[in-house]
Amino acid sequence: MKTALLPICLMCAVGVSLCLASEPNAIRNKLDHDSTIQGIPCARGDAWFYPNGALNQCTLSRSTKIGDVLAPRHSVVEVWPNGAPHYLTIPRSAMVGGYRVMGSRAGSSSTVVSTFYSDGKLRSVYLVGDQTIEGVPCRGGSEWNLLAEPGNDSNYVEFFDDGTLESCRLAHEYGGHSSGQRFSRPRVAAAAETGKSQPAQ
């Protein structure tokens, strides 16, 4: 009976390990010491790899540049097979890309992530506290209310791939829009307001 249960237990353990990875086919490996993998300083402990051996996810052993932002130590970074950043989860609120961004507290069931475009530019964040971005008063959340806020878009901010603001929920009335409304603007308007040129189509 005991020998029959052993294979079942092993299968369950493997199943749980695969479920914890962000990439369904990722394989977990335990790093015995801090290691630099594909230019990313990974801390010892669990790391995830694609079936071809490329890094999928690890915890940063030190602050490092991920895409076009500086990620704090102990952040969890997920990358595409080509090494481009996909998601970033920081351990506590911090400045990321010039914005005060919400972190995921230890013991919280909610995971707060910042996302990237395939070229490494910041795509979205969750703000901590109200912040003015390109003249727009964007609503931020409280870093102590992680259970409620990541599930909705109250403090969620999106950027175009040229770095200009695409949308956020308003902290107060702006441009004829009421406080609390989600303010979105077309790419052309964003470029005109910030003086940034648009990429060639």
N, C-alpha and C. Protein backbone atom coordinates (compact mmCIF):
# COMPACT_ATOMS: atom_id res chain seq x y z
N MET A 1 0.83 -1.20 0.00
CA MET A 1 0.00 0.00 0.00
C MET A 1 0.86 1.25 0.00
N LYS A 2 1.91 1.25 0.88
CA LYS A 2 2.80 2.40 0.95
C LYS A 2 3.51 2.63 -0.37
N THR A 3 3.94 1.53 -1.02
CA THR A 3 4.64 1.68 -2.30
C THR A 3 3.70 2.19 -3.38
N ALA A 4 2.43 1.89 -3.29
CA ALA A 4 1.45 2.37 -4.27
C ALA A 4 1.20 3.85 -4.09
N LEU A 5 1.28 4.35 -2.85
CA LEU A 5 1.04 5.76 -2.58
C LEU A 5 2.20 6.65 -3.00
N LEU A 6 3.40 6.11 -3.00
CA LEU A 6 4.59 6.89 -3.33
C LEU A 6 4.51 7.53 -4.71
N PRO A 7 4.20 6.78 -5.79
CA PRO A 7 4.10 7.42 -7.11
C PRO A 7 3.00 8.49 -7.16
N ILE A 8 1.91 8.26 -6.45
CA ILE A 8 0.81 9.24 -6.43
C ILE A 8 1.28 10.53 -5.77
N CYS A 9 1.99 10.41 -4.64
CA CYS A 9 2.51 11.59 -3.95
C CYS A 9 3.49 12.36 -4.82
N LEU A 10 4.36 11.63 -5.53
CA LEU A 10 5.33 12.28 -6.41
C LEU A 10 4.63 13.03 -7.54
N MET A 11 3.59 12.42 -8.10
CA MET A 11 2.84 13.08 -9.18
C MET A 11 2.17 14.35 -8.67
N CYS A 12 1.62 14.30 -7.46
CA CYS A 12 0.98 15.48 -6.87
C CYS A 12 1.99 16.59 -6.66
N ALA A 13 3.18 16.22 -6.17
CA ALA A 13 4.23 17.22 -5.92
C ALA A 13 4.65 17.90 -7.21
N VAL A 14 4.81 17.11 -8.27
CA VAL A 14 5.17 17.68 -9.57
C VAL A 14 4.06 18.59 -10.07
N GLY A 15 2.83 18.17 -9.90
CA GLY A 15 1.69 18.97 -10.35
C GLY A 15 1.63 20.31 -9.65
N VAL A 16 1.87 20.32 -8.33
CA VAL A 16 1.86 21.57 -7.57
C VAL A 16 3.00 22.47 -8.04
N SER A 17 4.17 21.89 -8.28
CA SER A 17 5.32 22.69 -8.73
C SER A 17 5.02 23.37 -10.06
N LEU A 18 4.41 22.65 -10.98
CA LEU A 18 4.11 23.24 -12.28
C LEU A 18 3.04 24.30 -12.18
N CYS A 19 2.09 24.13 -11.27
CA CYS A 19 1.02 25.12 -11.11
C CYS A 19 1.54 26.43 -10.56
N LEU A 20 2.63 26.39 -9.77
CA LEU A 20 3.17 27.61 -9.19
C LEU A 20 3.88 28.47 -10.22
N ALA A 21 4.26 27.92 -11.33
CA ALA A 21 4.97 28.68 -12.36
C ALA A 21 3.98 29.53 -13.14
N SER A 22 4.45 30.67 -13.62
CA SER A 22 3.59 31.54 -14.41
C SER A 22 3.42 31.00 -15.82
N GLU A 23 4.41 30.34 -16.34
CA GLU A 23 4.34 29.71 -17.66
C GLU A 23 3.93 28.25 -17.45
N PRO A 24 2.82 27.82 -18.07
CA PRO A 24 2.30 26.47 -17.81
C PRO A 24 3.33 25.34 -17.98
N ASN A 25 4.24 25.46 -18.93
CA ASN A 25 5.21 24.39 -19.18
C ASN A 25 6.56 24.64 -18.50
N ALA A 26 6.63 25.66 -17.65
CA ALA A 26 7.91 25.98 -17.01
C ALA A 26 8.31 24.89 -16.03
N ILE A 27 9.61 24.74 -15.87
CA ILE A 27 10.18 23.72 -15.00
C ILE A 27 10.91 24.41 -13.86
N ARG A 28 10.63 23.97 -12.64
CA ARG A 28 11.27 24.58 -11.48
C ARG A 28 12.65 23.96 -11.25
N ASN A 29 13.59 24.82 -10.87
CA ASN A 29 14.93 24.37 -10.52
C ASN A 29 15.36 25.17 -9.29
N LYS A 30 16.07 24.56 -8.40
CA LYS A 30 16.52 25.24 -7.19
C LYS A 30 17.96 25.71 -7.40
N LEU A 31 18.18 27.01 -7.27
CA LEU A 31 19.53 27.56 -7.39
C LEU A 31 20.22 27.47 -6.03
N ASP A 32 21.39 26.89 -5.99
CA ASP A 32 22.13 26.72 -4.74
C ASP A 32 22.78 28.01 -4.27
N HIS A 33 22.98 28.94 -5.20
CA HIS A 33 23.59 30.23 -4.84
C HIS A 33 23.12 31.28 -5.83
N ASP A 34 23.31 32.55 -5.49
CA ASP A 34 22.95 33.63 -6.40
C ASP A 34 23.66 33.41 -7.74
N SER A 35 22.92 33.56 -8.82
CA SER A 35 23.49 33.30 -10.15
C SER A 35 22.96 34.33 -11.14
N THR A 36 23.82 34.72 -12.07
CA THR A 36 23.38 35.59 -13.15
C THR A 36 22.99 34.71 -14.32
N ILE A 37 21.72 34.80 -14.71
CA ILE A 37 21.18 33.98 -15.79
C ILE A 37 20.63 34.89 -16.87
N GLN A 38 21.19 34.78 -18.07
CA GLN A 38 20.78 35.64 -19.19
C GLN A 38 20.83 37.12 -18.82
N GLY A 39 21.84 37.47 -18.02
CA GLY A 39 22.04 38.85 -17.63
C GLY A 39 21.20 39.30 -16.45
N ILE A 40 20.40 38.40 -15.88
CA ILE A 40 19.53 38.74 -14.75
C ILE A 40 20.10 38.13 -13.48
N PRO A 41 20.33 38.96 -12.44
CA PRO A 41 20.88 38.44 -11.19
C PRO A 41 19.80 37.74 -10.36
N CYS A 42 19.77 36.43 -10.41
CA CYS A 42 18.75 35.64 -9.71
C CYS A 42 19.26 35.21 -8.34
N ALA A 43 18.39 35.33 -7.34
CA ALA A 43 18.74 34.92 -5.98
C ALA A 43 18.65 33.41 -5.85
N ARG A 44 19.41 32.87 -4.92
CA ARG A 44 19.33 31.43 -4.67
C ARG A 44 17.90 31.08 -4.24
N GLY A 45 17.52 29.85 -4.54
CA GLY A 45 16.15 29.43 -4.26
C GLY A 45 15.48 29.01 -5.56
N ASP A 46 14.17 29.00 -5.56
CA ASP A 46 13.44 28.54 -6.73
C ASP A 46 13.55 29.49 -7.91
N ALA A 47 13.77 28.93 -9.08
CA ALA A 47 13.75 29.66 -10.34
C ALA A 47 13.01 28.77 -11.34
N TRP A 48 12.41 29.38 -12.34
CA TRP A 48 11.63 28.63 -13.33
C TRP A 48 12.26 28.79 -14.70
N PHE A 49 12.21 27.73 -15.50
CA PHE A 49 12.83 27.73 -16.82
C PHE A 49 11.86 27.16 -17.85
N TYR A 50 11.96 27.70 -19.07
CA TYR A 50 11.20 27.15 -20.18
C TYR A 50 11.78 25.78 -20.54
N PRO A 51 11.01 24.94 -21.23
CA PRO A 51 11.53 23.61 -21.60
C PRO A 51 12.85 23.65 -22.38
N ASN A 52 13.13 24.76 -23.09
CA ASN A 52 14.39 24.85 -23.84
C ASN A 52 15.56 25.32 -22.98
N GLY A 53 15.31 25.52 -21.68
CA GLY A 53 16.38 25.92 -20.77
C GLY A 53 16.47 27.40 -20.52
N ALA A 54 15.73 28.22 -21.27
CA ALA A 54 15.76 29.68 -21.08
C ALA A 54 15.04 30.04 -19.78
N LEU A 55 15.50 31.10 -19.13
CA LEU A 55 14.91 31.55 -17.88
C LEU A 55 13.48 32.02 -18.11
N ASN A 56 12.60 31.64 -17.19
CA ASN A 56 11.21 32.11 -17.21
C ASN A 56 10.96 33.07 -16.05
N GLN A 57 11.41 32.71 -14.84
CA GLN A 57 11.10 33.54 -13.68
C GLN A 57 12.09 33.30 -12.56
N CYS A 58 12.47 34.37 -11.87
CA CYS A 58 13.29 34.24 -10.67
C CYS A 58 13.14 35.47 -9.81
N THR A 59 13.68 35.39 -8.59
CA THR A 59 13.70 36.52 -7.66
C THR A 59 15.05 37.21 -7.79
N LEU A 60 15.04 38.53 -7.86
CA LEU A 60 16.29 39.28 -8.06
C LEU A 60 17.13 39.28 -6.79
N SER A 61 18.42 39.02 -6.95
CA SER A 61 19.34 39.03 -5.81
C SER A 61 19.81 40.44 -5.49
N ARG A 62 19.62 41.36 -6.42
CA ARG A 62 20.00 42.77 -6.20
C ARG A 62 19.18 43.64 -7.13
N SER A 63 19.17 44.94 -6.84
CA SER A 63 18.48 45.88 -7.72
C SER A 63 19.13 45.82 -9.09
N THR A 64 18.32 45.81 -10.11
CA THR A 64 18.87 45.73 -11.47
C THR A 64 17.89 46.32 -12.47
N LYS A 65 18.39 46.69 -13.61
CA LYS A 65 17.53 47.24 -14.66
C LYS A 65 16.81 46.11 -15.37
N ILE A 66 15.50 46.20 -15.36
CA ILE A 66 14.64 45.24 -16.07
C ILE A 66 13.87 46.05 -17.11
N GLY A 67 14.11 45.77 -18.37
CA GLY A 67 13.52 46.61 -19.41
C GLY A 67 14.06 48.02 -19.26
N ASP A 68 13.15 49.00 -19.18
CA ASP A 68 13.62 50.38 -19.02
C ASP A 68 13.40 50.92 -17.61
N VAL A 69 13.24 50.01 -16.61
CA VAL A 69 13.06 50.46 -15.23
C VAL A 69 14.07 49.77 -14.31
N LEU A 70 14.32 50.40 -13.17
CA LEU A 70 15.19 49.80 -12.16
C LEU A 70 14.30 49.04 -11.19
N ALA A 71 14.48 47.72 -11.12
CA ALA A 71 13.67 46.87 -10.25
C ALA A 71 14.40 46.66 -8.93
N PRO A 72 13.68 46.79 -7.80
CA PRO A 72 14.32 46.60 -6.49
C PRO A 72 14.72 45.15 -6.24
N ARG A 73 15.66 44.99 -5.34
CA ARG A 73 16.08 43.66 -4.88
C ARG A 73 14.87 42.91 -4.33
N HIS A 74 14.85 41.62 -4.50
CA HIS A 74 13.79 40.72 -4.05
C HIS A 74 12.53 40.81 -4.91
N SER A 75 12.57 41.59 -6.00
CA SER A 75 11.44 41.58 -6.93
C SER A 75 11.43 40.25 -7.67
N VAL A 76 10.25 39.84 -8.10
CA VAL A 76 10.13 38.64 -8.93
C VAL A 76 9.93 39.10 -10.36
N VAL A 77 10.77 38.62 -11.26
CA VAL A 77 10.67 39.01 -12.66
C VAL A 77 10.36 37.79 -13.50
N GLU A 78 9.44 37.98 -14.44
CA GLU A 78 9.14 36.93 -15.42
C GLU A 78 9.53 37.45 -16.79
N VAL A 79 10.23 36.63 -17.56
CA VAL A 79 10.68 37.05 -18.88
C VAL A 79 10.17 36.09 -19.95
N TRP A 80 10.08 36.62 -21.17
CA TRP A 80 9.74 35.79 -22.32
C TRP A 80 10.94 34.90 -22.67
N PRO A 81 10.76 33.88 -23.50
CA PRO A 81 11.89 33.01 -23.86
C PRO A 81 13.08 33.76 -24.47
N ASN A 82 12.81 34.93 -25.12
CA ASN A 82 13.91 35.70 -25.72
C ASN A 82 14.60 36.61 -24.70
N GLY A 83 14.16 36.56 -23.43
CA GLY A 83 14.79 37.36 -22.38
C GLY A 83 14.13 38.69 -22.13
N ALA A 84 13.17 39.09 -22.96
CA ALA A 84 12.47 40.36 -22.76
C ALA A 84 11.57 40.26 -21.54
N PRO A 85 11.49 41.33 -20.70
CA PRO A 85 10.66 41.26 -19.50
C PRO A 85 9.17 41.19 -19.84
N HIS A 86 8.44 40.50 -19.02
CA HIS A 86 6.99 40.35 -19.21
C HIS A 86 6.25 40.94 -18.01
N TYR A 87 6.54 40.41 -16.81
CA TYR A 87 5.92 40.89 -15.58
C TYR A 87 6.98 41.19 -14.53
N LEU A 88 6.63 42.11 -13.61
CA LEU A 88 7.49 42.42 -12.48
C LEU A 88 6.62 42.57 -11.25
N THR A 89 6.97 41.85 -10.18
CA THR A 89 6.29 41.98 -8.90
C THR A 89 7.31 42.45 -7.89
N ILE A 90 7.08 43.62 -7.31
CA ILE A 90 8.03 44.15 -6.34
C ILE A 90 7.55 43.81 -4.92
N PRO A 91 8.50 43.64 -3.98
CA PRO A 91 8.12 43.17 -2.64
C PRO A 91 7.41 44.20 -1.78
N ARG A 92 7.62 45.47 -2.08
CA ARG A 92 6.98 46.55 -1.32
C ARG A 92 6.90 47.76 -2.23
N SER A 93 6.09 48.74 -1.88
CA SER A 93 5.95 49.91 -2.75
C SER A 93 7.31 50.59 -2.94
N ALA A 94 7.56 51.03 -4.16
CA ALA A 94 8.84 51.64 -4.50
C ALA A 94 8.69 52.45 -5.78
N MET A 95 9.70 53.25 -6.08
CA MET A 95 9.72 53.99 -7.33
C MET A 95 10.12 53.05 -8.46
N VAL A 96 9.28 52.96 -9.47
CA VAL A 96 9.56 52.14 -10.64
C VAL A 96 9.24 52.99 -11.87
N GLY A 97 10.24 53.26 -12.68
CA GLY A 97 10.02 54.05 -13.88
C GLY A 97 9.57 55.47 -13.60
N GLY A 98 9.90 55.99 -12.41
CA GLY A 98 9.52 57.36 -12.07
C GLY A 98 8.16 57.47 -11.37
N TYR A 99 7.52 56.34 -11.08
CA TYR A 99 6.21 56.34 -10.43
C TYR A 99 6.29 55.52 -9.15
N ARG A 100 5.53 55.97 -8.13
CA ARG A 100 5.46 55.17 -6.89
C ARG A 100 4.48 54.04 -7.14
N VAL A 101 5.01 52.82 -7.15
CA VAL A 101 4.26 51.65 -7.58
C VAL A 101 3.99 50.72 -6.40
N MET A 102 2.83 50.09 -6.42
CA MET A 102 2.40 49.20 -5.36
C MET A 102 3.17 47.89 -5.40
N GLY A 103 3.54 47.41 -4.22
CA GLY A 103 4.20 46.12 -4.11
C GLY A 103 3.25 45.08 -3.53
N SER A 104 3.72 43.85 -3.47
CA SER A 104 2.94 42.75 -2.91
C SER A 104 3.52 42.39 -1.55
N ARG A 105 2.76 42.64 -0.51
CA ARG A 105 3.24 42.37 0.84
C ARG A 105 3.30 40.87 1.11
N ALA A 106 4.27 40.47 1.92
CA ALA A 106 4.38 39.08 2.33
C ALA A 106 3.12 38.68 3.08
N GLY A 107 2.62 37.50 2.78
CA GLY A 107 1.43 37.00 3.45
C GLY A 107 0.13 37.42 2.78
N SER A 108 0.22 38.31 1.77
CA SER A 108 -0.99 38.74 1.08
C SER A 108 -1.34 37.73 0.00
N SER A 109 -2.63 37.50 -0.20
CA SER A 109 -3.06 36.57 -1.24
C SER A 109 -3.11 37.25 -2.60
N SER A 110 -2.96 38.57 -2.62
CA SER A 110 -3.02 39.31 -3.88
C SER A 110 -1.62 39.56 -4.42
N THR A 111 -1.47 39.42 -5.72
CA THR A 111 -0.19 39.69 -6.36
C THR A 111 -0.36 40.90 -7.26
N VAL A 112 0.45 41.91 -7.05
CA VAL A 112 0.37 43.14 -7.82
C VAL A 112 1.52 43.15 -8.81
N VAL A 113 1.23 43.22 -10.10
CA VAL A 113 2.28 43.15 -11.10
C VAL A 113 2.31 44.39 -11.98
N SER A 114 3.51 44.75 -12.40
CA SER A 114 3.70 45.74 -13.45
C SER A 114 3.99 44.95 -14.72
N THR A 115 3.55 45.45 -15.86
CA THR A 115 3.75 44.73 -17.12
C THR A 115 4.59 45.54 -18.09
N PHE A 116 5.14 44.84 -19.09
CA PHE A 116 6.04 45.46 -20.06
C PHE A 116 5.62 45.13 -21.48
N TYR A 117 5.96 46.02 -22.39
CA TYR A 117 5.87 45.70 -23.82
C TYR A 117 7.06 44.80 -24.17
N SER A 118 7.00 44.19 -25.34
CA SER A 118 8.04 43.23 -25.72
C SER A 118 9.43 43.86 -25.88
N ASP A 119 9.48 45.19 -26.03
CA ASP A 119 10.79 45.85 -26.15
C ASP A 119 11.33 46.33 -24.81
N GLY A 120 10.61 46.01 -23.70
CA GLY A 120 11.09 46.38 -22.37
C GLY A 120 10.52 47.66 -21.82
N LYS A 121 9.69 48.35 -22.58
CA LYS A 121 9.09 49.59 -22.07
C LYS A 121 7.92 49.26 -21.15
N LEU A 122 7.75 50.09 -20.13
CA LEU A 122 6.71 49.88 -19.14
C LEU A 122 5.33 50.00 -19.78
N ARG A 123 4.46 49.04 -19.49
CA ARG A 123 3.12 49.02 -20.08
C ARG A 123 2.03 49.39 -19.07
N SER A 124 2.15 48.91 -17.84
CA SER A 124 1.14 49.22 -16.83
C SER A 124 1.70 49.07 -15.43
N VAL A 125 1.12 49.84 -14.49
CA VAL A 125 1.49 49.78 -13.08
C VAL A 125 0.25 50.02 -12.23
N TYR A 126 0.37 49.72 -10.93
CA TYR A 126 -0.63 50.10 -9.94
C TYR A 126 0.02 51.17 -9.06
N LEU A 127 -0.56 52.35 -9.03
CA LEU A 127 0.02 53.46 -8.29
C LEU A 127 -0.27 53.36 -6.80
N VAL A 128 0.68 53.88 -6.01
CA VAL A 128 0.46 54.10 -4.59
C VAL A 128 0.31 55.61 -4.41
N GLY A 129 -0.83 56.04 -3.91
CA GLY A 129 -1.06 57.47 -3.72
C GLY A 129 -1.34 58.18 -5.04
N ASP A 130 -2.13 59.24 -4.98
CA ASP A 130 -2.45 60.02 -6.19
C ASP A 130 -1.16 60.62 -6.76
N GLN A 131 -1.04 60.57 -8.08
CA GLN A 131 0.14 61.11 -8.76
C GLN A 131 -0.29 61.81 -10.04
N THR A 132 0.36 62.92 -10.34
CA THR A 132 0.09 63.63 -11.59
C THR A 132 1.04 63.11 -12.66
N ILE A 133 0.47 62.59 -13.74
CA ILE A 133 1.26 62.04 -14.83
C ILE A 133 0.93 62.84 -16.09
N GLU A 134 1.92 63.54 -16.61
CA GLU A 134 1.75 64.37 -17.81
C GLU A 134 0.57 65.32 -17.65
N GLY A 135 0.44 65.88 -16.46
CA GLY A 135 -0.61 66.85 -16.18
C GLY A 135 -1.95 66.26 -15.79
N VAL A 136 -2.07 64.93 -15.85
CA VAL A 136 -3.34 64.26 -15.54
C VAL A 136 -3.29 63.77 -14.09
N PRO A 137 -4.29 64.14 -13.27
CA PRO A 137 -4.31 63.70 -11.87
C PRO A 137 -4.80 62.25 -11.76
N CYS A 138 -3.88 61.32 -11.63
CA CYS A 138 -4.22 59.90 -11.61
C CYS A 138 -4.39 59.41 -10.17
N ARG A 139 -5.42 58.59 -9.98
CA ARG A 139 -5.72 58.08 -8.65
C ARG A 139 -4.79 56.94 -8.29
N GLY A 140 -4.32 56.98 -7.05
CA GLY A 140 -3.50 55.91 -6.53
C GLY A 140 -4.22 55.19 -5.42
N GLY A 141 -3.68 54.07 -5.02
CA GLY A 141 -4.28 53.29 -3.95
C GLY A 141 -3.44 53.36 -2.70
N SER A 142 -3.93 52.71 -1.66
CA SER A 142 -3.21 52.62 -0.40
C SER A 142 -2.39 51.34 -0.41
N GLU A 143 -1.13 51.43 -0.02
CA GLU A 143 -0.29 50.24 -0.01
C GLU A 143 -0.70 49.25 1.06
N TRP A 144 -1.61 49.65 1.94
CA TRP A 144 -2.07 48.75 3.00
C TRP A 144 -3.39 48.09 2.67
N ASN A 145 -3.91 48.34 1.45
CA ASN A 145 -5.21 47.76 1.08
C ASN A 145 -5.06 46.87 -0.14
N LEU A 146 -4.12 45.95 -0.09
CA LEU A 146 -3.82 45.13 -1.24
C LEU A 146 -4.91 44.11 -1.56
N LEU A 147 -5.69 43.71 -0.58
CA LEU A 147 -6.69 42.68 -0.83
C LEU A 147 -7.79 43.18 -1.75
N ALA A 148 -8.10 44.47 -1.69
CA ALA A 148 -9.21 44.99 -2.48
C ALA A 148 -8.75 45.57 -3.81
N GLU A 149 -7.67 46.33 -3.81
CA GLU A 149 -7.39 47.15 -4.97
C GLU A 149 -6.84 46.45 -6.20
N PRO A 150 -5.97 45.45 -6.10
CA PRO A 150 -5.49 44.83 -7.34
C PRO A 150 -6.59 44.17 -8.15
N GLY A 151 -7.71 43.82 -7.51
CA GLY A 151 -8.80 43.17 -8.23
C GLY A 151 -9.61 44.11 -9.08
N ASN A 152 -9.48 45.42 -8.88
CA ASN A 152 -10.20 46.37 -9.72
C ASN A 152 -9.19 47.32 -10.36
N ASP A 153 -9.69 48.33 -11.05
CA ASP A 153 -8.76 49.20 -11.78
C ASP A 153 -8.67 50.59 -11.16
N SER A 154 -8.96 50.71 -9.86
CA SER A 154 -9.00 52.04 -9.25
C SER A 154 -7.66 52.76 -9.29
N ASN A 155 -6.56 52.03 -9.22
CA ASN A 155 -5.25 52.67 -9.25
C ASN A 155 -4.36 52.10 -10.37
N TYR A 156 -5.01 51.56 -11.40
CA TYR A 156 -4.31 50.93 -12.52
C TYR A 156 -4.04 51.98 -13.60
N VAL A 157 -2.79 52.05 -14.04
CA VAL A 157 -2.38 53.04 -15.05
C VAL A 157 -1.76 52.32 -16.24
N GLU A 158 -2.14 52.73 -17.45
CA GLU A 158 -1.59 52.15 -18.67
C GLU A 158 -0.80 53.21 -19.45
N PHE A 159 0.23 52.74 -20.15
CA PHE A 159 1.06 53.61 -20.98
C PHE A 159 1.09 53.08 -22.40
N PHE A 160 1.21 54.00 -23.36
CA PHE A 160 1.45 53.59 -24.74
C PHE A 160 2.88 53.07 -24.85
N ASP A 161 3.20 52.43 -25.97
CA ASP A 161 4.54 51.87 -26.12
C ASP A 161 5.62 52.92 -26.35
N ASP A 162 5.23 54.19 -26.48
CA ASP A 162 6.23 55.25 -26.54
C ASP A 162 6.43 55.92 -25.19
N GLY A 163 5.77 55.38 -24.15
CA GLY A 163 5.94 55.88 -22.80
C GLY A 163 4.93 56.91 -22.35
N THR A 164 4.09 57.39 -23.25
CA THR A 164 3.09 58.39 -22.87
C THR A 164 1.89 57.74 -22.19
N LEU A 165 1.21 58.52 -21.36
CA LEU A 165 0.07 58.02 -20.61
C LEU A 165 -1.08 57.65 -21.54
N GLU A 166 -1.63 56.46 -21.35
CA GLU A 166 -2.80 56.03 -22.12
C GLU A 166 -4.08 56.18 -21.31
N SER A 167 -4.08 55.70 -20.06
CA SER A 167 -5.29 55.82 -19.25
C SER A 167 -4.99 55.68 -17.77
N CYS A 168 -5.87 56.29 -16.96
CA CYS A 168 -5.83 56.12 -15.51
C CYS A 168 -7.18 56.57 -14.96
N ARG A 169 -7.46 56.20 -13.72
CA ARG A 169 -8.68 56.67 -13.06
C ARG A 169 -8.35 58.01 -12.41
N LEU A 170 -9.22 58.99 -12.57
CA LEU A 170 -8.93 60.36 -12.13
C LEU A 170 -9.05 60.52 -10.61
N ALA A 171 -8.06 61.21 -10.04
CA ALA A 171 -8.08 61.51 -8.61
C ALA A 171 -9.04 62.65 -8.31
N HIS A 172 -9.24 63.55 -9.29
CA HIS A 172 -10.22 64.62 -9.16
C HIS A 172 -10.60 65.09 -10.56
N GLU A 173 -11.54 66.00 -10.63
CA GLU A 173 -12.07 66.44 -11.92
C GLU A 173 -10.94 66.94 -12.83
N TYR A 174 -11.04 66.57 -14.09
CA TYR A 174 -10.00 66.97 -15.06
C TYR A 174 -10.59 66.95 -16.47
N GLY A 175 -10.40 68.04 -17.19
CA GLY A 175 -10.80 68.11 -18.61
C GLY A 175 -12.25 67.76 -18.87
N GLY A 176 -13.12 68.15 -17.95
CA GLY A 176 -14.53 67.87 -18.13
C GLY A 176 -14.95 66.49 -17.66
N HIS A 177 -14.03 65.71 -17.14
CA HIS A 177 -14.33 64.37 -16.62
C HIS A 177 -14.39 64.42 -15.10
N SER A 178 -15.30 63.67 -14.53
CA SER A 178 -15.50 63.67 -13.08
C SER A 178 -14.43 62.86 -12.37
N SER A 179 -14.23 63.20 -11.11
CA SER A 179 -13.33 62.41 -10.26
C SER A 179 -13.82 60.97 -10.21
N GLY A 180 -12.90 60.03 -10.32
CA GLY A 180 -13.25 58.62 -10.27
C GLY A 180 -13.49 57.99 -11.63
N GLN A 181 -13.68 58.82 -12.67
CA GLN A 181 -13.85 58.28 -14.02
C GLN A 181 -12.51 57.79 -14.56
N ARG A 182 -12.56 56.77 -15.43
CA ARG A 182 -11.34 56.35 -16.12
C ARG A 182 -11.13 57.28 -17.29
N PHE A 183 -9.98 57.94 -17.29
CA PHE A 183 -9.64 58.90 -18.34
C PHE A 183 -8.72 58.20 -19.33
N SER A 184 -9.11 58.18 -20.59
CA SER A 184 -8.29 57.59 -21.65
C SER A 184 -8.09 58.61 -22.74
N ARG A 185 -6.97 58.56 -23.38
CA ARG A 185 -6.75 59.47 -24.51
C ARG A 185 -6.09 58.73 -25.65
N PRO A 186 -6.44 59.15 -26.87
CA PRO A 186 -5.82 58.49 -28.03
C PRO A 186 -4.33 58.81 -28.10
N ARG A 187 -3.60 57.95 -28.77
CA ARG A 187 -2.15 58.12 -28.88
C ARG A 187 -1.76 59.47 -29.44
N VAL A 188 -2.47 59.96 -30.45
CA VAL A 188 -2.13 61.24 -31.08
C VAL A 188 -2.25 62.37 -30.08
N ALA A 189 -3.31 62.35 -29.27
CA ALA A 189 -3.50 63.39 -28.26
C ALA A 189 -2.40 63.33 -27.21
N ALA A 190 -2.02 62.13 -26.81
CA ALA A 190 -0.97 61.97 -25.80
C ALA A 190 0.34 62.54 -26.31
N ALA A 191 0.67 62.28 -27.57
CA ALA A 191 1.92 62.77 -28.14
C ALA A 191 1.91 64.28 -28.26
N ALA A 192 0.77 64.83 -28.68
CA ALA A 192 0.67 66.28 -28.85
C ALA A 192 0.83 67.00 -27.52
N GLU A 193 0.23 66.45 -26.45
CA GLU A 193 0.26 67.08 -25.15
C GLU A 193 1.63 67.00 -24.50
N THR A 194 2.39 65.94 -24.79
CA THR A 194 3.69 65.76 -24.16
C THR A 194 4.84 66.18 -25.07
N GLY A 195 4.54 66.50 -26.34
CA GLY A 195 5.58 66.91 -27.28
C GLY A 195 6.43 65.78 -27.80
N LYS A 196 5.96 64.52 -27.64
CA LYS A 196 6.73 63.37 -28.11
C LYS A 196 6.29 63.01 -29.51
N SER A 197 7.25 62.68 -30.35
CA SER A 197 6.92 62.26 -31.72
C SER A 197 6.45 60.82 -31.71
N GLN A 198 5.67 60.47 -32.69
CA GLN A 198 5.14 59.12 -32.78
C GLN A 198 6.05 58.22 -33.62
N PRO A 199 6.11 56.95 -33.27
CA PRO A 199 6.90 56.03 -34.09
C PRO A 199 6.28 55.87 -35.46
N ALA A 200 7.11 55.60 -36.45
CA ALA A 200 6.60 55.42 -37.81
C ALA A 200 5.70 54.21 -37.87
N GLN A 201 4.62 54.32 -38.61
CA GLN A 201 3.67 53.21 -38.75
C GLN A 201 4.18 52.22 -39.79
